[in-house]
């Protein structure tokens, strides 16, 4: 009887698809019994356990990594991926979104300053380049784990007494509503895939060039005034964006296929 552990990588790689599919299912069943964040057994152990070559095993593991079920950490190994946090495209704040999932949200303010808007912020906020703005960067956490890096710019005239401690405490939208009477009713979000820079990786506790979701948000009040422009970088291994397309009576959708998503917070 042939020794199944002695197959060569070339021969095994040329075997029919069902063998590869079976190995993938075997690995999937294995990780189904492990808690999130757990390392899977070493490659040598798994090839012996399943009686396959490294080529076939790696193909199965690669697929599961691409699907987000496994995560490779350089120099450490392969781990069962943490469950992704889904975020619907809406005006729901980060803090509210985390609490709904039983997680404790928090923020660390990395920078906070006031100054002239300049050309770029003026365009983003639809104000004069000489108008004063408040700019701050927050690291958003859930159960003390970094989830997102957020840069925000706002017209200073709308929040004259805003301080770093204010934006560290919780939801910015709730603060705007409760203290300043500014209610966000319309949000436009532009979402695109990206990878993390060195500084971003350090703040998010991720390897360099880790996958991420970049969300640019423009929030307006009922009168159309821009209340904030935010650039949020979400960890790609923990976040998924969910959109819902609702067709109107004429069959048209309120979501453009260009990737610019507009959602409205009703009364």
Protein backbone atom coordinates (compact mmCIF):
# COMPACT_ATOMS: atom_id res chain seq x y z
CA UNK A 1 0.00 0.00 0.00
CA UNK A 2 1.33 3.42 -0.97
CA UNK A 3 2.38 5.76 1.82
CA UNK A 4 0.08 8.82 1.47
CA UNK A 5 2.53 11.03 3.33
CA UNK A 6 5.20 10.41 0.70
CA UNK A 7 3.38 12.05 -2.21
CA UNK A 8 5.43 14.69 -4.00
CA UNK A 9 4.20 18.25 -4.18
CA UNK A 10 4.08 18.13 -7.99
CA UNK A 11 1.99 14.98 -8.19
CA UNK A 12 -0.38 16.07 -5.44
CA UNK A 13 -0.83 19.49 -7.00
CA UNK A 14 -1.99 17.78 -10.21
CA UNK A 15 -4.58 15.68 -8.43
CA UNK A 16 -8.28 16.34 -9.17
CA UNK A 17 -10.03 19.27 -7.51
CA UNK A 18 -12.10 17.11 -5.08
CA UNK A 19 -8.96 16.22 -3.10
CA UNK A 20 -8.07 19.86 -2.62
CA UNK A 21 -11.68 20.64 -1.72
CA UNK A 22 -11.65 17.89 0.90
CA UNK A 23 -8.49 19.28 2.50
CA UNK A 24 -10.04 22.74 2.57
CA UNK A 25 -13.12 21.31 4.28
CA UNK A 26 -10.89 19.48 6.77
CA UNK A 27 -9.04 22.67 7.67
CA UNK A 28 -12.34 24.54 7.88
CA UNK A 29 -13.70 21.93 10.31
CA UNK A 30 -10.51 22.20 12.35
CA UNK A 31 -10.72 25.96 12.78
CA UNK A 32 -14.42 25.67 13.53
CA UNK A 33 -13.44 23.96 16.78
CA UNK A 34 -10.93 26.65 17.74
CA UNK A 35 -11.71 29.98 19.40
CA UNK A 36 -11.02 33.17 17.47
CA UNK A 37 -7.40 34.27 17.73
CA UNK A 38 -6.08 30.74 18.27
CA UNK A 39 -3.09 29.49 16.26
CA UNK A 40 -3.68 26.55 13.95
CA UNK A 41 -1.25 23.58 14.16
CA UNK A 42 2.03 23.82 12.23
CA UNK A 43 2.10 22.95 8.56
CA UNK A 44 4.06 19.74 9.12
CA UNK A 45 1.48 18.53 11.65
CA UNK A 46 -1.41 19.22 9.31
CA UNK A 47 0.16 17.54 6.28
CA UNK A 48 0.61 14.37 8.33
CA UNK A 49 -2.84 14.63 9.87
CA UNK A 50 -4.60 15.00 6.52
CA UNK A 51 -2.18 12.87 4.46
CA UNK A 52 -1.47 15.54 1.87
CA UNK A 53 1.48 17.48 0.50
CA UNK A 54 2.43 20.98 1.57
CA UNK A 55 1.34 22.28 -1.84
CA UNK A 56 -2.24 21.11 -1.33
CA UNK A 57 -2.36 22.23 2.29
CA UNK A 58 -1.01 25.68 1.45
CA UNK A 59 -3.58 26.08 -1.31
CA UNK A 60 -6.38 25.31 1.14
CA UNK A 61 -4.96 27.64 3.81
CA UNK A 62 -4.37 30.41 1.24
CA UNK A 63 -8.03 30.24 0.24
CA UNK A 64 -9.18 30.51 3.84
CA UNK A 65 -6.85 33.48 4.39
CA UNK A 66 -8.32 35.22 1.34
CA UNK A 67 -11.81 34.56 2.68
CA UNK A 68 -10.88 36.17 5.98
CA UNK A 69 -11.27 33.00 8.05
CA UNK A 70 -7.55 32.71 8.80
CA UNK A 71 -4.92 35.40 9.37
CA UNK A 72 -1.17 35.05 8.77
CA UNK A 73 1.16 36.92 11.10
CA UNK A 74 4.71 37.24 9.85
CA UNK A 75 7.16 35.36 12.00
CA UNK A 76 4.39 34.03 14.22
CA UNK A 77 2.11 31.67 12.30
CA UNK A 78 -1.46 31.35 11.08
CA UNK A 79 -4.40 32.12 13.36
CA UNK A 80 -8.17 31.80 13.38
CA UNK A 81 -9.49 35.22 12.38
CA UNK A 82 -11.46 37.34 14.80
CA UNK A 83 -15.11 37.90 13.89
CA UNK A 84 -15.52 40.97 11.73
CA UNK A 85 -17.57 43.87 12.98
CA UNK A 86 -20.13 44.87 10.39
CA UNK A 87 -21.00 48.51 10.00
CA UNK A 88 -24.02 49.62 8.05
CA UNK A 89 -23.73 52.75 5.97
CA UNK A 90 -25.69 55.15 8.16
CA UNK A 91 -25.32 57.96 10.64
CA UNK A 92 -24.87 55.50 13.50
CA UNK A 93 -21.77 56.49 15.45
CA UNK A 94 -18.81 54.24 16.18
CA UNK A 95 -19.69 54.26 19.88
CA UNK A 96 -23.29 53.21 19.27
CA UNK A 97 -22.22 50.55 16.78
CA UNK A 98 -19.81 48.99 19.30
CA UNK A 99 -22.31 49.03 22.16
CA UNK A 100 -24.87 47.23 20.02
CA UNK A 101 -22.34 44.41 19.70
CA UNK A 102 -21.67 44.18 23.41
CA UNK A 103 -18.29 45.91 23.16
CA UNK A 104 -17.06 48.86 25.20
CA UNK A 105 -16.04 51.78 22.96
CA UNK A 106 -13.34 54.27 23.88
CA UNK A 107 -11.11 56.84 22.21
CA UNK A 108 -7.59 58.16 22.57
CA UNK A 109 -7.03 61.67 21.26
CA UNK A 110 -3.70 61.72 19.43
CA UNK A 111 -3.80 65.36 18.37
CA UNK A 112 -6.10 68.38 18.76
CA UNK A 113 -5.60 71.87 17.32
CA UNK A 114 -7.31 75.00 16.02
CA UNK A 115 -6.25 77.08 13.05
CA UNK A 116 -7.16 78.46 9.61
CA UNK A 117 -8.99 76.01 7.38
CA UNK A 118 -6.71 76.32 4.38
CA UNK A 119 -7.74 75.36 0.85
CA UNK A 120 -8.39 71.64 1.35
CA UNK A 121 -10.44 71.85 4.56
CA UNK A 122 -12.30 74.84 3.15
CA UNK A 123 -13.45 72.72 0.20
CA UNK A 124 -14.40 69.83 2.46
CA UNK A 125 -16.44 72.03 4.82
CA UNK A 126 -17.71 74.58 2.28
CA UNK A 127 -16.26 77.51 4.28
CA UNK A 128 -13.69 80.24 3.71
CA UNK A 129 -10.01 79.20 3.72
CA UNK A 130 -9.42 81.81 6.45
CA UNK A 131 -12.20 80.50 8.70
CA UNK A 132 -11.04 78.76 11.88
CA UNK A 133 -11.41 75.00 12.14
CA UNK A 134 -10.94 72.38 14.82
CA UNK A 135 -8.90 69.37 13.76
CA UNK A 136 -8.28 66.24 15.81
CA UNK A 137 -7.16 62.65 15.39
CA UNK A 138 -8.68 59.85 17.48
CA UNK A 139 -7.79 56.21 17.87
CA UNK A 140 -11.08 54.34 18.23
CA UNK A 141 -11.04 51.21 20.39
CA UNK A 142 -13.44 48.43 21.33
CA UNK A 143 -12.69 46.55 24.55
CA UNK A 144 -9.31 48.35 24.45
CA UNK A 145 -8.45 46.87 21.03
CA UNK A 146 -7.62 49.40 18.26
CA UNK A 147 -10.28 49.34 15.55
CA UNK A 148 -9.97 52.56 13.59
CA UNK A 149 -7.91 55.72 13.18
CA UNK A 150 -10.06 58.80 12.66
CA UNK A 151 -9.10 62.31 11.50
CA UNK A 152 -11.83 64.95 11.87
CA UNK A 153 -12.08 68.59 10.82
CA UNK A 154 -15.00 70.86 11.85
CA UNK A 155 -15.87 74.55 11.58
CA UNK A 156 -14.70 76.05 14.88
CA UNK A 157 -17.60 78.50 14.93
CA UNK A 158 -20.00 75.60 15.48
CA UNK A 159 -18.10 74.20 18.49
CA UNK A 160 -16.45 77.22 20.16
CA UNK A 161 -15.63 75.54 23.47
CA UNK A 162 -14.80 72.03 22.21
CA UNK A 163 -11.88 70.47 24.11
CA UNK A 164 -9.82 67.26 23.68
CA UNK A 165 -11.56 65.64 26.66
CA UNK A 166 -14.91 66.15 24.95
CA UNK A 167 -14.00 64.10 21.87
CA UNK A 168 -12.33 61.42 23.96
CA UNK A 169 -15.49 60.60 25.90
CA UNK A 170 -17.73 59.08 23.26
CA UNK A 171 -19.95 59.84 20.30
CA UNK A 172 -19.23 63.11 18.50
CA UNK A 173 -22.72 63.12 16.95
CA UNK A 174 -24.34 62.81 20.37
CA UNK A 175 -22.16 65.66 21.65
CA UNK A 176 -23.11 67.89 18.73
CA UNK A 177 -26.79 67.22 19.32
CA UNK A 178 -26.84 67.53 23.12
CA UNK A 179 -24.48 70.48 23.65
CA UNK A 180 -24.73 72.50 20.46
CA UNK A 181 -28.16 71.54 19.10
CA UNK A 182 -26.56 70.34 15.85
CA UNK A 183 -28.20 67.21 14.56
CA UNK A 184 -26.63 65.13 11.81
CA UNK A 185 -29.34 64.15 9.34
CA UNK A 186 -27.42 63.47 6.15
CA UNK A 187 -24.17 61.56 5.70
CA UNK A 188 -22.21 60.94 2.53
CA UNK A 189 -19.56 58.22 2.74
CA UNK A 190 -16.94 57.34 0.15
CA UNK A 191 -15.49 53.90 0.87
CA UNK A 192 -12.41 52.38 -0.72
CA UNK A 193 -9.89 49.63 0.03
CA UNK A 194 -6.37 50.61 1.01
CA UNK A 195 -3.35 49.44 3.02
CA UNK A 196 -1.85 50.89 6.17
CA UNK A 197 1.21 53.13 6.30
CA UNK A 198 3.95 52.74 8.90
CA UNK A 199 2.35 55.20 11.35
CA UNK A 200 -1.15 53.81 10.78
CA UNK A 201 0.10 50.26 11.30
CA UNK A 202 1.72 51.27 14.57
CA UNK A 203 -1.45 52.90 15.92
CA UNK A 204 -3.71 50.03 14.81
CA UNK A 205 -1.32 47.30 15.96
CA UNK A 206 -1.15 45.89 12.43
CA UNK A 207 1.70 44.84 10.13
CA UNK A 208 2.89 47.30 7.51
CA UNK A 209 0.61 47.44 4.44
CA UNK A 210 -2.17 45.55 6.20
CA UNK A 211 -5.52 45.70 4.37
CA UNK A 212 -7.86 48.43 5.56
CA UNK A 213 -11.05 50.27 4.68
CA UNK A 214 -10.78 54.01 4.13
CA UNK A 215 -14.06 55.86 4.73
CA UNK A 216 -14.37 59.57 3.97
CA UNK A 217 -17.46 61.01 5.65
CA UNK A 218 -19.20 64.34 5.15
CA UNK A 219 -21.95 64.99 7.71
CA UNK A 220 -24.58 67.72 7.28
CA UNK A 221 -27.46 69.13 9.28
CA UNK A 222 -31.02 69.62 8.03
CA UNK A 223 -30.06 72.91 6.39
CA UNK A 224 -27.25 71.34 4.40
CA UNK A 225 -24.44 72.88 6.47
CA UNK A 226 -21.38 70.65 6.75
CA UNK A 227 -20.77 69.79 10.40
CA UNK A 228 -17.72 67.60 9.95
CA UNK A 229 -15.46 65.94 7.44
CA UNK A 230 -13.84 62.75 8.70
CA UNK A 231 -11.26 60.36 7.29
CA UNK A 232 -11.57 57.01 9.06
CA UNK A 233 -9.26 54.08 8.54
CA UNK A 234 -10.79 50.77 9.68
CA UNK A 235 -8.86 47.55 10.16
CA UNK A 236 -9.59 45.23 7.24
CA UNK A 237 -9.30 42.11 9.39
CA UNK A 238 -12.02 43.28 11.79
CA UNK A 239 -14.39 45.35 9.68
CA UNK A 240 -16.87 44.82 6.88
CA UNK A 241 -19.11 47.53 5.45
CA UNK A 242 -22.73 46.56 4.79
CA UNK A 243 -24.97 48.54 2.44
CA UNK A 244 -28.68 48.06 1.87
CA UNK A 245 -30.20 49.04 -1.47
CA UNK A 246 -33.88 50.00 -1.32
CA UNK A 247 -35.72 50.49 -4.59
CA UNK A 248 -38.30 53.25 -4.80
CA UNK A 249 -41.73 53.00 -6.47
CA UNK A 250 -40.15 53.64 -9.86
CA UNK A 251 -37.59 50.90 -9.31
CA UNK A 252 -34.67 53.28 -8.83
CA UNK A 253 -32.13 52.76 -6.04
CA UNK A 254 -30.88 55.45 -3.67
CA UNK A 255 -27.32 54.08 -3.79
CA UNK A 256 -25.01 55.00 -6.66
CA UNK A 257 -22.84 52.28 -8.16
CA UNK A 258 -19.83 54.60 -8.16
CA UNK A 259 -19.18 53.73 -4.53
CA UNK A 260 -20.42 57.02 -3.12
CA UNK A 261 -23.13 56.09 -0.66
CA UNK A 262 -25.65 58.57 0.69
CA UNK A 263 -27.90 57.64 3.61
CA UNK A 264 -30.36 59.77 5.56
CA UNK A 265 -31.19 59.59 9.25
CA UNK A 266 -34.93 60.03 9.58
CA UNK A 267 -36.72 61.70 12.47
